[in-house]
Amino acid sequence: MPDSEDLFTAIRTGDAARVRAMVQADPGLAEARDESGLSAVMTAAYHHQQEVLRVLLDADPELDIFAAA
């Protein structure tokens, strides 16, 4: 099973296919947070990874006020 550290590496490098596979294997990863507390969605947005961001949003994660803004 994939872990959140692998997920955030894939997000930062723009590996949308890997992110998709990981989230399909464990949908809860779409709501994961990194060691700084940033969500997967915010990390993808911060790193300008639009395709990865779409993959994560398609998984319908629960967004907090910062991620939804």
N, C-alpha and C. Protein backbone atom coordinates (compact mmCIF):
# COMPACT_ATOMS: atom_id res chain seq x y z
N MET A 1 0.84 -1.18 0.00
CA MET A 1 0.00 0.00 0.00
C MET A 1 0.89 1.25 0.00
N PRO A 2 0.56 2.24 -0.82
CA PRO A 2 1.37 3.46 -0.90
C PRO A 2 1.27 4.26 0.39
N ASP A 3 2.29 5.06 0.66
CA ASP A 3 2.23 5.91 1.84
C ASP A 3 2.24 7.38 1.43
N SER A 4 1.96 8.24 2.40
CA SER A 4 1.82 9.66 2.07
C SER A 4 3.14 10.29 1.62
N GLU A 5 4.26 9.82 2.12
CA GLU A 5 5.55 10.38 1.67
C GLU A 5 5.74 10.15 0.17
N ASP A 6 5.41 8.94 -0.29
CA ASP A 6 5.49 8.64 -1.73
C ASP A 6 4.51 9.52 -2.51
N LEU A 7 3.33 9.72 -1.95
CA LEU A 7 2.32 10.56 -2.61
C LEU A 7 2.86 11.98 -2.80
N PHE A 8 3.41 12.57 -1.76
CA PHE A 8 3.88 13.95 -1.86
C PHE A 8 5.07 14.09 -2.80
N THR A 9 5.89 13.07 -2.88
CA THR A 9 6.98 13.08 -3.86
C THR A 9 6.40 13.09 -5.27
N ALA A 10 5.40 12.25 -5.51
CA ALA A 10 4.75 12.19 -6.83
C ALA A 10 4.05 13.50 -7.16
N ILE A 11 3.43 14.11 -6.16
CA ILE A 11 2.76 15.40 -6.38
C ILE A 11 3.78 16.46 -6.77
N ARG A 12 4.84 16.58 -6.00
CA ARG A 12 5.85 17.63 -6.27
C ARG A 12 6.53 17.45 -7.61
N THR A 13 6.69 16.22 -8.07
CA THR A 13 7.35 15.98 -9.35
C THR A 13 6.37 15.95 -10.52
N GLY A 14 5.08 16.10 -10.25
CA GLY A 14 4.09 16.15 -11.32
C GLY A 14 3.76 14.81 -11.93
N ASP A 15 3.95 13.74 -11.20
CA ASP A 15 3.68 12.39 -11.71
C ASP A 15 2.20 12.05 -11.51
N ALA A 16 1.35 12.60 -12.39
CA ALA A 16 -0.09 12.44 -12.26
C ALA A 16 -0.52 10.97 -12.35
N ALA A 17 0.12 10.20 -13.20
CA ALA A 17 -0.24 8.78 -13.32
C ALA A 17 0.01 8.05 -12.00
N ARG A 18 1.12 8.36 -11.37
CA ARG A 18 1.45 7.73 -10.08
C ARG A 18 0.47 8.18 -9.00
N VAL A 19 0.15 9.46 -8.96
CA VAL A 19 -0.81 9.98 -7.99
C VAL A 19 -2.16 9.29 -8.19
N ARG A 20 -2.60 9.19 -9.44
CA ARG A 20 -3.88 8.53 -9.74
C ARG A 20 -3.88 7.09 -9.23
N ALA A 21 -2.83 6.35 -9.53
CA ALA A 21 -2.76 4.95 -9.10
C ALA A 21 -2.76 4.85 -7.57
N MET A 22 -2.05 5.73 -6.92
CA MET A 22 -1.98 5.70 -5.46
C MET A 22 -3.33 6.02 -4.83
N VAL A 23 -4.01 7.02 -5.37
CA VAL A 23 -5.31 7.42 -4.82
C VAL A 23 -6.37 6.36 -5.12
N GLN A 24 -6.27 5.71 -6.26
CA GLN A 24 -7.20 4.62 -6.55
C GLN A 24 -6.98 3.45 -5.59
N ALA A 25 -5.73 3.18 -5.23
CA ALA A 25 -5.42 2.09 -4.30
C ALA A 25 -5.84 2.44 -2.87
N ASP A 26 -5.74 3.73 -2.52
CA ASP A 26 -6.08 4.18 -1.16
C ASP A 26 -6.70 5.57 -1.26
N PRO A 27 -8.03 5.67 -1.45
CA PRO A 27 -8.68 6.97 -1.63
C PRO A 27 -8.43 7.97 -0.50
N GLY A 28 -8.13 7.48 0.68
CA GLY A 28 -7.85 8.38 1.80
C GLY A 28 -6.61 9.23 1.59
N LEU A 29 -5.73 8.81 0.70
CA LEU A 29 -4.52 9.59 0.43
C LEU A 29 -4.85 10.96 -0.16
N ALA A 30 -6.00 11.11 -0.80
CA ALA A 30 -6.39 12.40 -1.36
C ALA A 30 -6.54 13.46 -0.27
N GLU A 31 -6.71 13.02 0.98
CA GLU A 31 -6.85 13.94 2.10
C GLU A 31 -5.60 13.97 2.98
N ALA A 32 -4.51 13.38 2.51
CA ALA A 32 -3.27 13.32 3.30
C ALA A 32 -2.68 14.71 3.48
N ARG A 33 -1.89 14.84 4.53
CA ARG A 33 -1.16 16.08 4.80
C ARG A 33 0.32 15.76 4.93
N ASP A 34 1.15 16.70 4.49
CA ASP A 34 2.60 16.48 4.59
C ASP A 34 3.09 16.84 5.99
N GLU A 35 4.39 16.76 6.18
CA GLU A 35 4.98 17.02 7.50
C GLU A 35 4.76 18.45 7.98
N SER A 36 4.43 19.36 7.06
CA SER A 36 4.15 20.76 7.42
C SER A 36 2.67 21.01 7.66
N GLY A 37 1.85 20.01 7.38
CA GLY A 37 0.42 20.15 7.55
C GLY A 37 -0.31 20.57 6.28
N LEU A 38 0.43 20.72 5.17
CA LEU A 38 -0.22 21.08 3.91
C LEU A 38 -0.94 19.87 3.32
N SER A 39 -2.12 20.10 2.81
CA SER A 39 -2.88 19.02 2.18
C SER A 39 -2.28 18.67 0.82
N ALA A 40 -2.66 17.52 0.33
CA ALA A 40 -2.22 17.08 -1.00
C ALA A 40 -2.67 18.10 -2.05
N VAL A 41 -3.90 18.58 -1.93
CA VAL A 41 -4.44 19.56 -2.89
C VAL A 41 -3.62 20.85 -2.86
N MET A 42 -3.34 21.35 -1.66
CA MET A 42 -2.56 22.59 -1.55
C MET A 42 -1.14 22.40 -2.08
N THR A 43 -0.56 21.24 -1.85
CA THR A 43 0.79 20.97 -2.34
C THR A 43 0.82 20.97 -3.86
N ALA A 44 -0.17 20.33 -4.47
CA ALA A 44 -0.25 20.31 -5.94
C ALA A 44 -0.41 21.73 -6.49
N ALA A 45 -1.27 22.52 -5.85
CA ALA A 45 -1.48 23.90 -6.30
C ALA A 45 -0.21 24.73 -6.12
N TYR A 46 0.45 24.59 -4.98
CA TYR A 46 1.67 25.34 -4.70
C TYR A 46 2.76 25.05 -5.72
N HIS A 47 2.86 23.80 -6.15
CA HIS A 47 3.90 23.40 -7.10
C HIS A 47 3.42 23.51 -8.56
N HIS A 48 2.27 24.13 -8.78
CA HIS A 48 1.73 24.37 -10.12
C HIS A 48 1.56 23.07 -10.91
N GLN A 49 1.12 22.03 -10.24
CA GLN A 49 0.91 20.72 -10.88
C GLN A 49 -0.58 20.57 -11.20
N GLN A 50 -1.02 21.20 -12.30
CA GLN A 50 -2.44 21.25 -12.62
C GLN A 50 -3.05 19.88 -12.88
N GLU A 51 -2.35 19.02 -13.60
CA GLU A 51 -2.90 17.70 -13.87
C GLU A 51 -3.03 16.89 -12.58
N VAL A 52 -2.04 16.97 -11.73
CA VAL A 52 -2.09 16.29 -10.43
C VAL A 52 -3.24 16.86 -9.60
N LEU A 53 -3.41 18.16 -9.63
CA LEU A 53 -4.49 18.80 -8.89
C LEU A 53 -5.85 18.28 -9.36
N ARG A 54 -6.02 18.13 -10.67
CA ARG A 54 -7.28 17.58 -11.19
C ARG A 54 -7.50 16.15 -10.70
N VAL A 55 -6.45 15.35 -10.71
CA VAL A 55 -6.55 13.97 -10.22
C VAL A 55 -7.02 13.96 -8.77
N LEU A 56 -6.41 14.80 -7.95
CA LEU A 56 -6.78 14.85 -6.54
C LEU A 56 -8.20 15.34 -6.34
N LEU A 57 -8.59 16.38 -7.07
CA LEU A 57 -9.95 16.90 -6.93
C LEU A 57 -10.99 15.90 -7.43
N ASP A 58 -10.65 15.12 -8.44
CA ASP A 58 -11.56 14.07 -8.92
C ASP A 58 -11.83 13.02 -7.85
N ALA A 59 -10.91 12.89 -6.89
CA ALA A 59 -11.09 11.93 -5.79
C ALA A 59 -12.02 12.50 -4.71
N ASP A 60 -12.47 13.72 -4.90
CA ASP A 60 -13.44 14.38 -4.02
C ASP A 60 -12.99 14.44 -2.55
N PRO A 61 -11.80 14.99 -2.30
CA PRO A 61 -11.35 15.09 -0.91
C PRO A 61 -12.14 16.15 -0.16
N GLU A 62 -12.22 16.00 1.14
CA GLU A 62 -12.84 17.03 1.96
C GLU A 62 -11.84 18.19 2.05
N LEU A 63 -12.27 19.37 1.62
CA LEU A 63 -11.37 20.53 1.60
C LEU A 63 -11.64 21.43 2.79
N ASP A 64 -10.58 21.97 3.39
CA ASP A 64 -10.75 22.95 4.45
C ASP A 64 -10.81 24.33 3.81
N ILE A 65 -10.98 25.34 4.60
CA ILE A 65 -11.15 26.69 4.09
C ILE A 65 -9.95 27.16 3.26
N PHE A 66 -8.74 26.72 3.61
CA PHE A 66 -7.55 27.15 2.88
C PHE A 66 -7.47 26.48 1.51
N ALA A 67 -7.81 25.20 1.43
CA ALA A 67 -7.76 24.48 0.17
C ALA A 67 -8.90 24.88 -0.74
N ALA A 68 -10.03 25.27 -0.17
CA ALA A 68 -11.19 25.62 -0.96
C ALA A 68 -11.11 27.03 -1.54
N ALA A 69 -10.26 27.88 -0.96
CA ALA A 69 -10.19 29.28 -1.38
C ALA A 69 -9.51 29.45 -2.72
